Amino acid sequence: MKELKLCVVTTTSITIRSFLLEQLEFLYNNGFDVTVICDVDEELRRELPKGI
């Protein structure tokens, strides 16, 4: 079975935190390889599951 991959690109990390965090965690927990690209934000890095 193919691994499903998702890449989310935003200009600011607040977009991830405000609108996408729960969905990305759900997708990650259900087999997706999730990659996030945004500005550097150490706090967001700590909030995301280790594999994202």
C-alpha atoms as a PDB file:
ATOM      1  CA  MET A   1       0.000   0.000   0.000  1.00  0.00           C
ATOM      2  CA  LYS A   2       1.296   3.482  -0.864  1.00  0.00           C
ATOM      3  CA  GLU A   3       2.144   5.840   1.958  1.00  0.00           C
ATOM      4  CA  LEU A   4       0.020   8.972   1.702  1.00  0.00           C
ATOM      5  CA  LYS A   5       1.983  12.201   1.926  1.00  0.00           C
ATOM      6  CA  LEU A   6       0.822  15.724   2.685  1.00  0.00           C
ATOM      7  CA  CYS A   7       2.830  18.944   2.627  1.00  0.00           C
ATOM      8  CA  VAL A   8       1.300  22.139   4.034  1.00  0.00           C
ATOM      9  CA  VAL A   9       2.987  25.445   3.174  1.00  0.00           C
ATOM     10  CA  THR A  10       2.085  28.711   4.919  1.00  0.00           C
ATOM     11  CA  THR A  11       3.880  32.006   5.365  1.00  0.00           C
ATOM     12  CA  THR A  12       3.244  32.182   9.105  1.00  0.00           C
ATOM     13  CA  SER A  13       3.058  29.530  11.799  1.00  0.00           C
ATOM     14  CA  ILE A  14      -0.070  31.116  13.302  1.00  0.00           C
ATOM     15  CA  THR A  15      -2.030  29.702  10.357  1.00  0.00           C
ATOM     16  CA  ILE A  16      -0.980  26.185  11.316  1.00  0.00           C
ATOM     17  CA  ARG A  17      -1.718  26.752  14.986  1.00  0.00           C
ATOM     18  CA  SER A  18      -5.073  28.493  14.446  1.00  0.00           C
ATOM     19  CA  PHE A  19      -6.627  26.498  11.622  1.00  0.00           C
ATOM     20  CA  LEU A  20      -4.771  23.274  10.847  1.00  0.00           C
ATOM     21  CA  LEU A  21      -3.167  21.754  13.948  1.00  0.00           C
ATOM     22  CA  GLU A  22      -5.988  19.362  14.857  1.00  0.00           C
ATOM     23  CA  GLN A  23      -6.462  18.207  11.261  1.00  0.00           C
ATOM     24  CA  LEU A  24      -2.732  17.620  10.790  1.00  0.00           C
ATOM     25  CA  GLU A  25      -2.561  15.592  14.005  1.00  0.00           C
ATOM     26  CA  PHE A  26      -5.552  13.521  12.874  1.00  0.00           C
ATOM     27  CA  LEU A  27      -4.012  12.840   9.476  1.00  0.00           C
ATOM     28  CA  TYR A  28      -0.651  11.944  11.028  1.00  0.00           C
ATOM     29  CA  ASN A  29      -2.318   9.566  13.490  1.00  0.00           C
ATOM     30  CA  ASN A  30      -4.157   7.908  10.588  1.00  0.00           C
ATOM     31  CA  GLY A  31      -1.184   7.047   8.427  1.00  0.00           C
ATOM     32  CA  PHE A  32      -0.287  10.207   6.522  1.00  0.00           C
ATOM     33  CA  ASP A  33       3.301  11.412   6.249  1.00  0.00           C
ATOM     34  CA  VAL A  34       2.744  15.098   7.132  1.00  0.00           C
ATOM     35  CA  THR A  35       5.260  17.870   6.438  1.00  0.00           C
ATOM     36  CA  VAL A  36       4.756  21.499   7.485  1.00  0.00           C
ATOM     37  CA  ILE A  37       6.665  24.400   5.929  1.00  0.00           C
ATOM     38  CA  CYS A  38       6.341  27.858   7.524  1.00  0.00           C
ATOM     39  CA  ASP A  39       8.367  30.507   9.310  1.00  0.00           C
ATOM     40  CA  VAL A  40      10.598  29.352  12.173  1.00  0.00           C
ATOM     41  CA  ASP A  41       8.574  28.909  15.377  1.00  0.00           C
ATOM     42  CA  GLU A  42      10.077  26.808  18.160  1.00  0.00           C
ATOM     43  CA  GLU A  43       6.817  26.838  20.125  1.00  0.00           C
ATOM     44  CA  LEU A  44       4.905  25.325  17.196  1.00  0.00           C
ATOM     45  CA  ARG A  45       7.661  22.748  16.769  1.00  0.00           C
ATOM     46  CA  ARG A  46       7.045  21.614  20.365  1.00  0.00           C
ATOM     47  CA  GLU A  47       3.251  21.515  19.814  1.00  0.00           C
ATOM     48  CA  LEU A  48       3.391  19.298  16.738  1.00  0.00           C
ATOM     49  CA  PRO A  49       3.640  15.515  17.160  1.00  0.00           C
ATOM     50  CA  LYS A  50       7.219  14.290  16.809  1.00  0.00           C
ATOM     51  CA  GLY A  51       6.729  12.842  13.318  1.00  0.00           C
ATOM     52  CA  ILE A  52       5.366  16.023  11.732  1.00  0.00           C
END
